[in-house]
Amino acid sequence: MRLRSAVTAVLGAGLLLAAVPTSAVAATGQFRYDYVTVEGYEASGFLNAPRSGECLNLPGVGQENPEPAHSPKNRTDAWARVFVDLNCEGPSFDLRPYTGGGSERLKVRSVVFS
């Protein structure tokens, strides 16, 4: 009888572990944006397979650049919340997976994926 209880407990624990979802490490796809460099040139930036659940400051539009990025395009499989300021602060806007995008009027400096 003890063996049957032990086997049942082990199988139950195994099924419970298999049913618990694991957290995603990265979004699949690419996040794109446009910006003007410090020298005044038009440029495009992108993040490939960005980390999920972590605030990411967009390269090229940090404190050294007075102009924020614009026209973000979310081509990942995760929701992207873009922020006007660095470190995911200030007003934000959500971009849906795969097709989410904003116009030139949407200014961004950081993003977090969920």
C-alpha atoms as a PDB file:
ATOM      1  CA  MET A   1       0.000   0.000   0.000  1.00  0.00           C
ATOM      2  CA  ARG A   2       2.889   2.371   0.740  1.00  0.00           C
ATOM      3  CA  LEU A   3       4.368   1.846  -2.719  1.00  0.00           C
ATOM      4  CA  ARG A   4       1.063   2.711  -4.368  1.00  0.00           C
ATOM      5  CA  SER A   5       0.816   5.953  -2.343  1.00  0.00           C
ATOM      6  CA  ALA A   6       4.396   6.900  -3.182  1.00  0.00           C
ATOM      7  CA  VAL A   7       3.882   6.260  -6.909  1.00  0.00           C
ATOM      8  CA  THR A   8       0.645   8.254  -6.866  1.00  0.00           C
ATOM      9  CA  ALA A   9       2.367  11.161  -5.107  1.00  0.00           C
ATOM     10  CA  VAL A  10       5.270  11.170  -7.581  1.00  0.00           C
ATOM     11  CA  LEU A  11       2.946  11.041 -10.594  1.00  0.00           C
ATOM     12  CA  GLY A  12       0.772  13.819  -9.148  1.00  0.00           C
ATOM     13  CA  ALA A  13       3.815  16.023  -8.562  1.00  0.00           C
ATOM     14  CA  GLY A  14       5.056  15.359 -12.094  1.00  0.00           C
ATOM     15  CA  LEU A  15       1.709  16.319 -13.610  1.00  0.00           C
ATOM     16  CA  LEU A  16       1.594  19.464 -11.495  1.00  0.00           C
ATOM     17  CA  LEU A  17       5.061  20.538 -12.661  1.00  0.00           C
ATOM     18  CA  ALA A  18       4.150  19.864 -16.291  1.00  0.00           C
ATOM     19  CA  ALA A  19       1.022  22.022 -15.963  1.00  0.00           C
ATOM     20  CA  VAL A  20       2.805  25.081 -14.505  1.00  0.00           C
ATOM     21  CA  PRO A  21       3.712  27.494 -17.312  1.00  0.00           C
ATOM     22  CA  THR A  22       7.284  28.698 -17.509  1.00  0.00           C
ATOM     23  CA  SER A  23       8.113  32.353 -17.991  1.00  0.00           C
ATOM     24  CA  ALA A  24       9.351  33.437 -21.378  1.00  0.00           C
ATOM     25  CA  VAL A  25      12.922  34.657 -21.518  1.00  0.00           C
ATOM     26  CA  ALA A  26      12.557  36.592 -24.735  1.00  0.00           C
ATOM     27  CA  ALA A  27       9.952  37.726 -27.197  1.00  0.00           C
ATOM     28  CA  THR A  28      10.312  36.173 -30.633  1.00  0.00           C
ATOM     29  CA  GLY A  29      10.671  38.622 -33.495  1.00  0.00           C
ATOM     30  CA  GLN A  30      11.896  42.172 -33.941  1.00  0.00           C
ATOM     31  CA  PHE A  31      11.000  45.580 -32.522  1.00  0.00           C
ATOM     32  CA  ARG A  32      11.842  48.504 -34.848  1.00  0.00           C
ATOM     33  CA  TYR A  33      11.961  52.277 -34.494  1.00  0.00           C
ATOM     34  CA  ASP A  34      13.273  55.340 -36.303  1.00  0.00           C
ATOM     35  CA  TYR A  35      15.296  58.217 -34.863  1.00  0.00           C
ATOM     36  CA  VAL A  36      17.561  61.127 -35.715  1.00  0.00           C
ATOM     37  CA  THR A  37      21.171  60.682 -34.635  1.00  0.00           C
ATOM     38  CA  VAL A  38      23.067  63.268 -32.604  1.00  0.00           C
ATOM     39  CA  GLU A  39      24.757  64.260 -35.895  1.00  0.00           C
ATOM     40  CA  GLY A  40      21.339  64.868 -37.514  1.00  0.00           C
ATOM     41  CA  TYR A  41      21.084  61.739 -39.715  1.00  0.00           C
ATOM     42  CA  GLU A  42      17.950  59.597 -40.065  1.00  0.00           C
ATOM     43  CA  ALA A  43      18.514  56.114 -38.651  1.00  0.00           C
ATOM     44  CA  SER A  44      16.591  52.964 -37.819  1.00  0.00           C
ATOM     45  CA  GLY A  45      17.068  50.915 -34.700  1.00  0.00           C
ATOM     46  CA  PHE A  46      15.882  47.466 -33.776  1.00  0.00           C
ATOM     47  CA  LEU A  47      15.821  44.916 -30.993  1.00  0.00           C
ATOM     48  CA  ASN A  48      15.971  41.246 -32.009  1.00  0.00           C
ATOM     49  CA  ALA A  49      14.321  38.754 -29.636  1.00  0.00           C
ATOM     50  CA  PRO A  50      14.118  41.322 -26.805  1.00  0.00           C
ATOM     51  CA  ARG A  51      14.032  40.146 -23.191  1.00  0.00           C
ATOM     52  CA  SER A  52      10.554  39.950 -21.666  1.00  0.00           C
ATOM     53  CA  GLY A  53       9.545  41.601 -18.416  1.00  0.00           C
ATOM     54  CA  GLU A  54      12.553  43.906 -18.325  1.00  0.00           C
ATOM     55  CA  CYS A  55      12.718  47.604 -19.154  1.00  0.00           C
ATOM     56  CA  LEU A  56      14.909  48.220 -22.201  1.00  0.00           C
ATOM     57  CA  ASN A  57      16.203  51.684 -23.070  1.00  0.00           C
ATOM     58  CA  LEU A  58      16.350  52.041 -26.846  1.00  0.00           C
ATOM     59  CA  PRO A  59      19.884  52.301 -28.249  1.00  0.00           C
ATOM     60  CA  GLY A  60      20.609  55.616 -29.973  1.00  0.00           C
ATOM     61  CA  VAL A  61      18.057  57.700 -28.066  1.00  0.00           C
ATOM     62  CA  GLY A  62      19.531  57.793 -24.577  1.00  0.00           C
ATOM     63  CA  GLN A  63      20.548  60.807 -22.540  1.00  0.00           C
ATOM     64  CA  GLU A  64      23.160  61.812 -25.121  1.00  0.00           C
ATOM     65  CA  ASN A  65      20.450  62.326 -27.767  1.00  0.00           C
ATOM     66  CA  PRO A  66      17.891  65.090 -27.127  1.00  0.00           C
ATOM     67  CA  GLU A  67      15.526  63.611 -29.767  1.00  0.00           C
ATOM     68  CA  PRO A  68      13.440  60.540 -28.848  1.00  0.00           C
ATOM     69  CA  ALA A  69      12.721  57.729 -31.289  1.00  0.00           C
ATOM     70  CA  HIS A  70       9.477  57.636 -33.264  1.00  0.00           C
ATOM     71  CA  SER A  71       7.386  55.307 -35.443  1.00  0.00           C
ATOM     72  CA  PRO A  72       7.818  52.144 -33.337  1.00  0.00           C
ATOM     73  CA  LYS A  73       6.777  48.835 -34.914  1.00  0.00           C
ATOM     74  CA  ASN A  74       6.233  45.736 -32.815  1.00  0.00           C
ATOM     75  CA  ARG A  75       6.917  42.626 -34.902  1.00  0.00           C
ATOM     76  CA  THR A  76       7.362  40.343 -31.885  1.00  0.00           C
ATOM     77  CA  ASP A  77       4.980  37.768 -30.461  1.00  0.00           C
ATOM     78  CA  ALA A  78       4.570  39.775 -27.217  1.00  0.00           C
ATOM     79  CA  TRP A  79       2.801  42.984 -26.211  1.00  0.00           C
ATOM     80  CA  ALA A  80       5.171  45.959 -26.162  1.00  0.00           C
ATOM     81  CA  ARG A  81       4.573  48.900 -23.836  1.00  0.00           C
ATOM     82  CA  VAL A  82       6.555  51.902 -25.078  1.00  0.00           C
ATOM     83  CA  PHE A  83       7.434  54.855 -22.848  1.00  0.00           C
ATOM     84  CA  VAL A  84       8.190  58.495 -23.593  1.00  0.00           C
ATOM     85  CA  ASP A  85      11.070  58.584 -21.090  1.00  0.00           C
ATOM     86  CA  LEU A  86      14.085  56.423 -20.271  1.00  0.00           C
ATOM     87  CA  ASN A  87      13.791  53.607 -17.721  1.00  0.00           C
ATOM     88  CA  CYS A  88      10.135  52.970 -18.618  1.00  0.00           C
ATOM     89  CA  GLU A  89       8.907  56.176 -17.029  1.00  0.00           C
ATOM     90  CA  GLY A  90       6.394  58.748 -18.160  1.00  0.00           C
ATOM     91  CA  PRO A  91       3.379  58.263 -20.411  1.00  0.00           C
ATOM     92  CA  SER A  92       3.137  54.888 -22.141  1.00  0.00           C
ATOM     93  CA  PHE A  93       1.349  53.247 -25.043  1.00  0.00           C
ATOM     94  CA  ASP A  94       0.733  49.536 -25.746  1.00  0.00           C
ATOM     95  CA  LEU A  95       1.564  47.998 -29.120  1.00  0.00           C
ATOM     96  CA  ARG A  96      -0.075  44.663 -29.941  1.00  0.00           C
ATOM     97  CA  PRO A  97       1.995  41.659 -31.065  1.00  0.00           C
ATOM     98  CA  TYR A  98       2.999  41.227 -34.727  1.00  0.00           C
ATOM     99  CA  THR A  99       1.219  44.264 -36.202  1.00  0.00           C
ATOM    100  CA  GLY A 100       1.366  46.985 -33.542  1.00  0.00           C
ATOM    101  CA  GLY A 101       2.837  50.269 -34.635  1.00  0.00           C
ATOM    102  CA  GLY A 102       2.822  53.968 -34.081  1.00  0.00           C
ATOM    103  CA  SER A 103       3.181  57.001 -36.281  1.00  0.00           C
ATOM    104  CA  GLU A 104       5.925  59.588 -36.329  1.00  0.00           C
ATOM    105  CA  ARG A 105       4.013  61.426 -33.598  1.00  0.00           C
ATOM    106  CA  LEU A 106       4.542  58.586 -31.089  1.00  0.00           C
ATOM    107  CA  LYS A 107       7.815  59.466 -29.322  1.00  0.00           C
ATOM    108  CA  VAL A 108       9.584  56.691 -27.390  1.00  0.00           C
ATOM    109  CA  ARG A 109      12.805  56.097 -25.424  1.00  0.00           C
ATOM    110  CA  SER A 110      12.166  52.764 -23.668  1.00  0.00           C
ATOM    111  CA  VAL A 111      10.056  49.612 -23.933  1.00  0.00           C
ATOM    112  CA  VAL A 112       9.037  46.564 -21.914  1.00  0.00           C
ATOM    113  CA  PHE A 113       7.664  43.328 -23.404  1.00  0.00           C
ATOM    114  CA  SER A 114       5.120  41.080 -21.708  1.00  0.00           C
END
